[in-house]
Amino acid sequence: MIVKDYIITSAQGIHARPATTLIRLTKNFKSVVSLKKGDKTVRLNSMLNILSLTIKGGETISVIIEGDDEGSAAEAIDLFFTTQLKEL
């Protein structure tokens, strides 16, 4: 299991467009990917799950990755949160 914290760099937080991109990204991997904000943890398989966290810019979230290809999934998700999220 890989757990990594990210500070959301997008001023708009995670809304529909980045949520859709993140779901598409995680579907490329067999690993189960979850997001955690505060006490609430949701799987990254539904836009409603992600939007229910109401993640705003500047907040810290944790990404939890568990499975056979968790290393490569972690790399791709790291790239999303450090580079691509700012552009969406």
PDB file of N, CA and C in Angstrom:
ATOM      1  N   MET A   1       0.854  -1.181   0.000  1.00  0.00           N
ATOM      2  CA  MET A   1       0.000   0.000   0.000  1.00  0.00           C
ATOM      3  C   MET A   1       0.894   1.235   0.000  1.00  0.00           C
ATOM      4  N   ILE A   2       0.529   2.193  -0.849  1.00  0.00           N
ATOM      5  CA  ILE A   2       1.223   3.472  -0.935  1.00  0.00           C
ATOM      6  C   ILE A   2       0.240   4.561  -0.526  1.00  0.00           C
ATOM      7  N   VAL A   3       0.681   5.424   0.385  1.00  0.00           N
ATOM      8  CA  VAL A   3      -0.133   6.555   0.818  1.00  0.00           C
ATOM      9  C   VAL A   3       0.705   7.815   0.632  1.00  0.00           C
ATOM     10  N   LYS A   4       0.127   8.796  -0.046  1.00  0.00           N
ATOM     11  CA  LYS A   4       0.849  10.042  -0.284  1.00  0.00           C
ATOM     12  C   LYS A   4      -0.096  11.212  -0.107  1.00  0.00           C
ATOM     13  N   ASP A   5       0.395  12.265   0.544  1.00  0.00           N
ATOM     14  CA  ASP A   5      -0.395  13.470   0.762  1.00  0.00           C
ATOM     15  C   ASP A   5      -0.073  14.505  -0.308  1.00  0.00           C
ATOM     16  N   TYR A   6      -1.104  15.232  -0.703  1.00  0.00           N
ATOM     17  CA  TYR A   6      -0.955  16.306  -1.688  1.00  0.00           C
ATOM     18  C   TYR A   6      -1.693  17.537  -1.211  1.00  0.00           C
ATOM     19  N   ILE A   7      -1.094  18.697  -1.467  1.00  0.00           N
ATOM     20  CA  ILE A   7      -1.793  19.969  -1.262  1.00  0.00           C
ATOM     21  C   ILE A   7      -2.356  20.351  -2.618  1.00  0.00           C
ATOM     22  N   ILE A   8      -3.644  20.629  -2.675  1.00  0.00           N
ATOM     23  CA  ILE A   8      -4.309  20.953  -3.944  1.00  0.00           C
ATOM     24  C   ILE A   8      -3.854  22.331  -4.410  1.00  0.00           C
ATOM     25  N   THR A   9      -3.181  22.373  -5.558  1.00  0.00           N
ATOM     26  CA  THR A   9      -2.596  23.617  -6.059  1.00  0.00           C
ATOM     27  C   THR A   9      -3.549  24.416  -6.934  1.00  0.00           C
ATOM     28  N   SER A  10      -4.594  23.795  -7.405  1.00  0.00           N
ATOM     29  CA  SER A  10      -5.575  24.499  -8.234  1.00  0.00           C
ATOM     30  C   SER A  10      -6.480  25.337  -7.333  1.00  0.00           C
ATOM     31  N   ALA A  11      -6.627  26.611  -7.664  1.00  0.00           N
ATOM     32  CA  ALA A  11      -7.465  27.509  -6.854  1.00  0.00           C
ATOM     33  C   ALA A  11      -8.919  27.043  -6.814  1.00  0.00           C
ATOM     34  N   GLN A  12      -9.378  26.374  -7.883  1.00  0.00           N
ATOM     35  CA  GLN A  12     -10.759  25.896  -7.951  1.00  0.00           C
ATOM     36  C   GLN A  12     -10.943  24.569  -7.220  1.00  0.00           C
ATOM     37  N   GLY A  13      -9.856  23.972  -6.759  1.00  0.00           N
ATOM     38  CA  GLY A  13      -9.964  22.678  -6.106  1.00  0.00           C
ATOM     39  C   GLY A  13     -10.192  21.580  -7.127  1.00  0.00           C
ATOM     40  N   ILE A  14     -10.842  20.509  -6.702  1.00  0.00           N
ATOM     41  CA  ILE A  14     -11.148  19.413  -7.624  1.00  0.00           C
ATOM     42  C   ILE A  14     -12.633  19.473  -7.943  1.00  0.00           C
ATOM     43  N   HIS A  15     -12.921  19.883  -9.173  1.00  0.00           N
ATOM     44  CA  HIS A  15     -14.298  19.969  -9.660  1.00  0.00           C
ATOM     45  C   HIS A  15     -14.487  18.905 -10.730  1.00  0.00           C
ATOM     46  N   ALA A  16     -15.522  18.997 -11.516  1.00  0.00           N
ATOM     47  CA  ALA A  16     -15.899  17.933 -12.451  1.00  0.00           C
ATOM     48  C   ALA A  16     -14.798  17.568 -13.451  1.00  0.00           C
ATOM     49  N   ARG A  17     -14.157  18.559 -14.058  1.00  0.00           N
ATOM     50  CA  ARG A  17     -13.156  18.257 -15.089  1.00  0.00           C
ATOM     51  C   ARG A  17     -11.954  17.491 -14.532  1.00  0.00           C
ATOM     52  N   PRO A  18     -11.302  17.977 -13.462  1.00  0.00           N
ATOM     53  CA  PRO A  18     -10.192  17.181 -12.929  1.00  0.00           C
ATOM     54  C   PRO A  18     -10.638  15.838 -12.340  1.00  0.00           C
ATOM     55  N   ALA A  19     -11.845  15.773 -11.810  1.00  0.00           N
ATOM     56  CA  ALA A  19     -12.353  14.504 -11.271  1.00  0.00           C
ATOM     57  C   ALA A  19     -12.475  13.475 -12.393  1.00  0.00           C
ATOM     58  N   THR A  20     -12.997  13.899 -13.537  1.00  0.00           N
ATOM     59  CA  THR A  20     -13.133  13.003 -14.689  1.00  0.00           C
ATOM     60  C   THR A  20     -11.761  12.540 -15.170  1.00  0.00           C
ATOM     61  N   THR A  21     -10.811  13.456 -15.253  1.00  0.00           N
ATOM     62  CA  THR A  21      -9.455  13.117 -15.682  1.00  0.00           C
ATOM     63  C   THR A  21      -8.813  12.120 -14.727  1.00  0.00           C
ATOM     64  N   LEU A  22      -9.013  12.318 -13.446  1.00  0.00           N
ATOM     65  CA  LEU A  22      -8.444  11.431 -12.435  1.00  0.00           C
ATOM     66  C   LEU A  22      -9.055  10.032 -12.511  1.00  0.00           C
ATOM     67  N   ILE A  23     -10.350   9.961 -12.728  1.00  0.00           N
ATOM     68  CA  ILE A  23     -11.017   8.653 -12.864  1.00  0.00           C
ATOM     69  C   ILE A  23     -10.499   7.919 -14.094  1.00  0.00           C
ATOM     70  N   ARG A  24     -10.370   8.624 -15.209  1.00  0.00           N
ATOM     71  CA  ARG A  24      -9.848   7.998 -16.433  1.00  0.00           C
ATOM     72  C   ARG A  24      -8.431   7.494 -16.221  1.00  0.00           C
ATOM     73  N   LEU A  25      -7.635   8.273 -15.503  1.00  0.00           N
ATOM     74  CA  LEU A  25      -6.256   7.893 -15.227  1.00  0.00           C
ATOM     75  C   LEU A  25      -6.193   6.614 -14.394  1.00  0.00           C
ATOM     76  N   THR A  26      -6.985   6.526 -13.359  1.00  0.00           N
ATOM     77  CA  THR A  26      -6.927   5.366 -12.463  1.00  0.00           C
ATOM     78  C   THR A  26      -7.502   4.102 -13.100  1.00  0.00           C
ATOM     79  N   LYS A  27      -8.343   4.251 -14.112  1.00  0.00           N
ATOM     80  CA  LYS A  27      -8.886   3.067 -14.794  1.00  0.00           C
ATOM     81  C   LYS A  27      -7.822   2.318 -15.588  1.00  0.00           C
ATOM     82  N   ASN A  28      -6.649   2.950 -15.800  1.00  0.00           N
ATOM     83  CA  ASN A  28      -5.554   2.296 -16.507  1.00  0.00           C
ATOM     84  C   ASN A  28      -4.799   1.307 -15.628  1.00  0.00           C
ATOM     85  N   PHE A  29      -5.130   1.245 -14.357  1.00  0.00           N
ATOM     86  CA  PHE A  29      -4.398   0.414 -13.410  1.00  0.00           C
ATOM     87  C   PHE A  29      -5.329  -0.576 -12.713  1.00  0.00           C
ATOM     88  N   LYS A  30      -4.754  -1.691 -12.286  1.00  0.00           N
ATOM     89  CA  LYS A  30      -5.526  -2.696 -11.562  1.00  0.00           C
ATOM     90  C   LYS A  30      -5.689  -2.320 -10.096  1.00  0.00           C
ATOM     91  N   SER A  31      -4.781  -1.504  -9.582  1.00  0.00           N
ATOM     92  CA  SER A  31      -4.794  -1.129  -8.170  1.00  0.00           C
ATOM     93  C   SER A  31      -6.054  -0.354  -7.809  1.00  0.00           C
ATOM     94  N   VAL A  32      -6.457  -0.485  -6.551  1.00  0.00           N
ATOM     95  CA  VAL A  32      -7.576   0.279  -6.017  1.00  0.00           C
ATOM     96  C   VAL A  32      -7.016   1.608  -5.507  1.00  0.00           C
ATOM     97  N   VAL A  33      -7.599   2.707  -5.982  1.00  0.00           N
ATOM     98  CA  VAL A  33      -7.131   4.037  -5.598  1.00  0.00           C
ATOM     99  C   VAL A  33      -8.255   4.733  -4.835  1.00  0.00           C
ATOM    100  N   SER A  34      -7.900   5.312  -3.692  1.00  0.00           N
ATOM    101  CA  SER A  34      -8.875   6.024  -2.866  1.00  0.00           C
ATOM    102  C   SER A  34      -8.336   7.402  -2.520  1.00  0.00           C
ATOM    103  N   LEU A  35      -9.249   8.313  -2.255  1.00  0.00           N
ATOM    104  CA  LEU A  35      -8.913   9.655  -1.776  1.00  0.00           C
ATOM    105  C   LEU A  35      -9.416   9.795  -0.358  1.00  0.00           C
ATOM    106  N   LYS A  36      -8.629  10.462   0.468  1.00  0.00           N
ATOM    107  CA  LYS A  36      -9.047  10.695   1.850  1.00  0.00           C
ATOM    108  C   LYS A  36      -8.891  12.176   2.173  1.00  0.00           C
ATOM    109  N   LYS A  37      -9.957  12.735   2.718  1.00  0.00           N
ATOM    110  CA  LYS A  37      -9.931  14.113   3.202  1.00  0.00           C
ATOM    111  C   LYS A  37     -10.562  14.106   4.587  1.00  0.00           C
ATOM    112  N   GLY A  38      -9.782  14.481   5.582  1.00  0.00           N
ATOM    113  CA  GLY A  38     -10.286  14.425   6.951  1.00  0.00           C
ATOM    114  C   GLY A  38     -10.567  12.986   7.342  1.00  0.00           C
ATOM    115  N   ASP A  39     -11.771  12.728   7.816  1.00  0.00           N
ATOM    116  CA  ASP A  39     -12.159  11.384   8.239  1.00  0.00           C
ATOM    117  C   ASP A  39     -12.837  10.577   7.141  1.00  0.00           C
ATOM    118  N   LYS A  40     -13.055  11.186   5.973  1.00  0.00           N
ATOM    119  CA  LYS A  40     -13.816  10.530   4.906  1.00  0.00           C
ATOM    120  C   LYS A  40     -12.881   9.996   3.816  1.00  0.00           C
ATOM    121  N   THR A  41     -13.090   8.740   3.460  1.00  0.00           N
ATOM    122  CA  THR A  41     -12.315   8.097   2.401  1.00  0.00           C
ATOM    123  C   THR A  41     -13.273   7.572   1.345  1.00  0.00           C
ATOM    124  N   VAL A  42     -12.970   7.855   0.060  1.00  0.00           N
ATOM    125  CA  VAL A  42     -13.806   7.375  -1.042  1.00  0.00           C
ATOM    126  C   VAL A  42     -12.926   6.732  -2.112  1.00  0.00           C
ATOM    127  N   ARG A  43     -13.501   5.762  -2.812  1.00  0.00           N
ATOM    128  CA  ARG A  43     -12.792   5.153  -3.940  1.00  0.00           C
ATOM    129  C   ARG A  43     -12.859   6.074  -5.139  1.00  0.00           C
ATOM    130  N   LEU A  44     -11.811   6.010  -5.943  1.00  0.00           N
ATOM    131  CA  LEU A  44     -11.733   6.846  -7.138  1.00  0.00           C
ATOM    132  C   LEU A  44     -12.338   6.117  -8.325  1.00  0.00           C
ATOM    133  N   ASN A  45     -13.613   5.810  -8.230  1.00  0.00           N
ATOM    134  CA  ASN A  45     -14.282   5.135  -9.342  1.00  0.00           C
ATOM    135  C   ASN A  45     -15.572   5.840  -9.729  1.00  0.00           C
ATOM    136  N   SER A  46     -15.870   6.953  -9.070  1.00  0.00           N
ATOM    137  CA  SER A  46     -17.111   7.673  -9.340  1.00  0.00           C
ATOM    138  C   SER A  46     -16.888   9.162  -9.123  1.00  0.00           C
ATOM    139  N   MET A  47     -17.379   9.949 -10.056  1.00  0.00           N
ATOM    140  CA  MET A  47     -17.259  11.395  -9.923  1.00  0.00           C
ATOM    141  C   MET A  47     -17.989  11.883  -8.676  1.00  0.00           C
ATOM    142  N   LEU A  48     -19.144  11.299  -8.389  1.00  0.00           N
ATOM    143  CA  LEU A  48     -19.889  11.707  -7.198  1.00  0.00           C
ATOM    144  C   LEU A  48     -19.095  11.443  -5.925  1.00  0.00           C
ATOM    145  N   ASN A  49     -18.359  10.333  -5.886  1.00  0.00           N
ATOM    146  CA  ASN A  49     -17.507  10.066  -4.732  1.00  0.00           C
ATOM    147  C   ASN A  49     -16.507  11.198  -4.522  1.00  0.00           C
ATOM    148  N   ILE A  50     -15.834  11.579  -5.604  1.00  0.00           N
ATOM    149  CA  ILE A  50     -14.809  12.614  -5.515  1.00  0.00           C
ATOM    150  C   ILE A  50     -15.428  13.957  -5.145  1.00  0.00           C
ATOM    151  N   LEU A  51     -16.514  14.323  -5.831  1.00  0.00           N
ATOM    152  CA  LEU A  51     -17.139  15.619  -5.574  1.00  0.00           C
ATOM    153  C   LEU A  51     -17.733  15.699  -4.172  1.00  0.00           C
ATOM    154  N   SER A  52     -18.094  14.552  -3.589  1.00  0.00           N
ATOM    155  CA  SER A  52     -18.663  14.559  -2.239  1.00  0.00           C
ATOM    156  C   SER A  52     -17.645  15.006  -1.188  1.00  0.00           C
ATOM    157  N   LEU A  53     -16.362  14.943  -1.530  1.00  0.00           N
ATOM    158  CA  LEU A  53     -15.327  15.392  -0.595  1.00  0.00           C
ATOM    159  C   LEU A  53     -15.192  16.914  -0.565  1.00  0.00           C
ATOM    160  N   THR A  54     -15.758  17.602  -1.563  1.00  0.00           N
ATOM    161  CA  THR A  54     -15.659  19.068  -1.705  1.00  0.00           C
ATOM    162  C   THR A  54     -14.232  19.555  -1.425  1.00  0.00           C
ATOM    163  N   ILE A  55     -13.310  19.126  -2.281  1.00  0.00           N
ATOM    164  CA  ILE A  55     -11.896  19.463  -2.123  1.00  0.00           C
ATOM    165  C   ILE A  55     -11.648  20.841  -2.729  1.00  0.00           C
ATOM    166  N   LYS A  56     -11.169  21.745  -1.909  1.00  0.00           N
ATOM    167  CA  LYS A  56     -10.904  23.126  -2.324  1.00  0.00           C
ATOM    168  C   LYS A  56      -9.408  23.355  -2.457  1.00  0.00           C
ATOM    169  N   GLY A  57      -9.058  24.405  -3.183  1.00  0.00           N
ATOM    170  CA  GLY A  57      -7.658  24.766  -3.347  1.00  0.00           C
ATOM    171  C   GLY A  57      -7.005  25.039  -2.000  1.00  0.00           C
ATOM    172  N   GLY A  58      -5.771  24.554  -1.833  1.00  0.00           N
ATOM    173  CA  GLY A  58      -5.028  24.753  -0.600  1.00  0.00           C
ATOM    174  C   GLY A  58      -5.241  23.666   0.439  1.00  0.00           C
ATOM    175  N   GLU A  59      -6.241  22.813   0.248  1.00  0.00           N
ATOM    176  CA  GLU A  59      -6.495  21.736   1.206  1.00  0.00           C
ATOM    177  C   GLU A  59      -5.542  20.566   0.948  1.00  0.00           C
ATOM    178  N   THR A  60      -5.342  19.766   1.977  1.00  0.00           N
ATOM    179  CA  THR A  60      -4.488  18.590   1.861  1.00  0.00           C
ATOM    180  C   THR A  60      -5.364  17.338   1.813  1.00  0.00           C
ATOM    181  N   ILE A  61      -5.046  16.469   0.855  1.00  0.00           N
ATOM    182  CA  ILE A  61      -5.740  15.189   0.733  1.00  0.00           C
ATOM    183  C   ILE A  61      -4.695  14.076   0.734  1.00  0.00           C
ATOM    184  N   SER A  62      -5.137  12.874   0.994  1.00  0.00           N
ATOM    185  CA  SER A  62      -4.263  11.698   0.915  1.00  0.00           C
ATOM    186  C   SER A  62      -4.763  10.793  -0.198  1.00  0.00           C
ATOM    187  N   VAL A  63      -3.829  10.251  -0.947  1.00  0.00           N
ATOM    188  CA  VAL A  63      -4.145   9.271  -1.982  1.00  0.00           C
ATOM    189  C   VAL A  63      -3.640   7.920  -1.477  1.00  0.00           C
ATOM    190  N   ILE A  64      -4.506   6.935  -1.519  1.00  0.00           N
ATOM    191  CA  ILE A  64      -4.178   5.590  -1.049  1.00  0.00           C
ATOM    192  C   ILE A  64      -4.262   4.648  -2.246  1.00  0.00           C
ATOM    193  N   ILE A  65      -3.164   3.957  -2.531  1.00  0.00           N
ATOM    194  CA  ILE A  65      -3.099   3.068  -3.688  1.00  0.00           C
ATOM    195  C   ILE A  65      -2.722   1.679  -3.187  1.00  0.00           C
ATOM    196  N   GLU A  66      -3.504   0.691  -3.602  1.00  0.00           N
ATOM    197  CA  GLU A  66      -3.274  -0.673  -3.130  1.00  0.00           C
ATOM    198  C   GLU A  66      -3.517  -1.649  -4.273  1.00  0.00           C
ATOM    199  N   GLY A  67      -2.497  -2.434  -4.620  1.00  0.00           N
ATOM    200  CA  GLY A  67      -2.669  -3.427  -5.667  1.00  0.00           C
ATOM    201  C   GLY A  67      -1.357  -3.823  -6.319  1.00  0.00           C
ATOM    202  N   ASP A  68      -1.465  -4.651  -7.355  1.00  0.00           N
ATOM    203  CA  ASP A  68      -0.291  -5.205  -8.031  1.00  0.00           C
ATOM    204  C   ASP A  68       0.579  -4.157  -8.718  1.00  0.00           C
ATOM    205  N   ASP A  69      -0.046  -3.135  -9.310  1.00  0.00           N
ATOM    206  CA  ASP A  69       0.706  -2.119 -10.060  1.00  0.00           C
ATOM    207  C   ASP A  69       0.705  -0.772  -9.341  1.00  0.00           C
ATOM    208  N   GLU A  70       0.747  -0.809  -8.011  1.00  0.00           N
ATOM    209  CA  GLU A  70       0.634   0.425  -7.238  1.00  0.00           C
ATOM    210  C   GLU A  70       1.797   1.391  -7.487  1.00  0.00           C
ATOM    211  N   GLY A  71       2.969   0.869  -7.799  1.00  0.00           N
ATOM    212  CA  GLY A  71       4.123   1.741  -8.066  1.00  0.00           C
ATOM    213  C   GLY A  71       3.900   2.611  -9.291  1.00  0.00           C
ATOM    214  N   SER A  72       3.490   2.003 -10.389  1.00  0.00           N
ATOM    215  CA  SER A  72       3.261   2.776 -11.613  1.00  0.00           C
ATOM    216  C   SER A  72       2.029   3.665 -11.472  1.00  0.00           C
ATOM    217  N   ALA A  73       1.031   3.200 -10.744  1.00  0.00           N
ATOM    218  CA  ALA A  73      -0.152   4.038 -10.502  1.00  0.00           C
ATOM    219  C   ALA A  73       0.233   5.258  -9.680  1.00  0.00           C
ATOM    220  N   ALA A  74       1.081   5.065  -8.685  1.00  0.00           N
ATOM    221  CA  ALA A  74       1.525   6.185  -7.841  1.00  0.00           C
ATOM    222  C   ALA A  74       2.278   7.226  -8.655  1.00  0.00           C
ATOM    223  N   GLU A  75       3.113   6.785  -9.599  1.00  0.00           N
ATOM    224  CA  GLU A  75       3.854   7.714 -10.454  1.00  0.00           C
ATOM    225  C   GLU A  75       2.896   8.550 -11.300  1.00  0.00           C
ATOM    226  N   ALA A  76       1.921   7.900 -11.913  1.00  0.00           N
ATOM    227  CA  ALA A  76       0.975   8.613 -12.774  1.00  0.00           C
ATOM    228  C   ALA A  76       0.121   9.590 -11.965  1.00  0.00           C
ATOM    229  N   ILE A  77      -0.312   9.184 -10.786  1.00  0.00           N
ATOM    230  CA  ILE A  77      -1.140  10.050  -9.944  1.00  0.00           C
ATOM    231  C   ILE A  77      -0.318  11.208  -9.404  1.00  0.00           C
ATOM    232  N   ASP A  78       0.952  10.955  -9.099  1.00  0.00           N
ATOM    233  CA  ASP A  78       1.841  12.031  -8.644  1.00  0.00           C
ATOM    234  C   ASP A  78       1.984  13.093  -9.734  1.00  0.00           C
ATOM    235  N   LEU A  79       2.158  12.656 -10.955  1.00  0.00           N
ATOM    236  CA  LEU A  79       2.257  13.584 -12.081  1.00  0.00           C
ATOM    237  C   LEU A  79       0.969  14.396 -12.221  1.00  0.00           C
ATOM    238  N   PHE A  80      -0.175  13.751 -12.044  1.00  0.00           N
ATOM    239  CA  PHE A  80      -1.456  14.455 -12.128  1.00  0.00           C
ATOM    240  C   PHE A  80      -1.525  15.570 -11.088  1.00  0.00           C
ATOM    241  N   PHE A  81      -1.241  15.254  -9.835  1.00  0.00           N
ATOM    242  CA  PHE A  81      -1.396  16.249  -8.767  1.00  0.00           C
ATOM    243  C   PHE A  81      -0.312  17.322  -8.780  1.00  0.00           C
ATOM    244  N   THR A  82       0.896  17.006  -9.259  1.00  0.00           N
ATOM    245  CA  THR A  82       1.965  17.998  -9.238  1.00  0.00           C
ATOM    246  C   THR A  82       1.996  18.875 -10.489  1.00  0.00           C
ATOM    247  N   THR A  83       1.499  18.366 -11.612  1.00  0.00           N
ATOM    248  CA  THR A  83       1.621  19.108 -12.865  1.00  0.00           C
ATOM    249  C   THR A  83       0.284  19.380 -13.549  1.00  0.00           C
ATOM    250  N   GLN A  84      -0.480  18.338 -13.816  1.00  0.00           N
ATOM    251  CA  GLN A  84      -1.662  18.458 -14.657  1.00  0.00           C
ATOM    252  C   GLN A  84      -2.834  19.160 -13.990  1.00  0.00           C
ATOM    253  N   LEU A  85      -2.979  19.030 -12.682  1.00  0.00           N
ATOM    254  CA  LEU A  85      -4.145  19.613 -11.989  1.00  0.00           C
ATOM    255  C   LEU A  85      -4.194  21.129 -12.147  1.00  0.00           C
ATOM    256  N   LYS A  86      -3.039  21.772 -12.178  1.00  0.00           N
ATOM    257  CA  LYS A  86      -2.977  23.243 -12.316  1.00  0.00           C
ATOM    258  C   LYS A  86      -3.574  23.702 -13.639  1.00  0.00           C
ATOM    259  N   GLU A  87      -3.506  22.837 -14.661  1.00  0.00           N
ATOM    260  CA  GLU A  87      -3.935  23.202 -16.007  1.00  0.00           C
ATOM    261  C   GLU A  87      -5.401  22.931 -16.282  1.00  0.00           C
ATOM    262  N   LEU A  88      -6.095  22.226 -15.378  1.00  0.00           N
ATOM    263  CA  LEU A  88      -7.484  21.848 -15.627  1.00  0.00           C
ATOM    264  C   LEU A  88      -8.438  22.865 -15.032  1.00  0.00           C
TER     265      LEU A  88
END
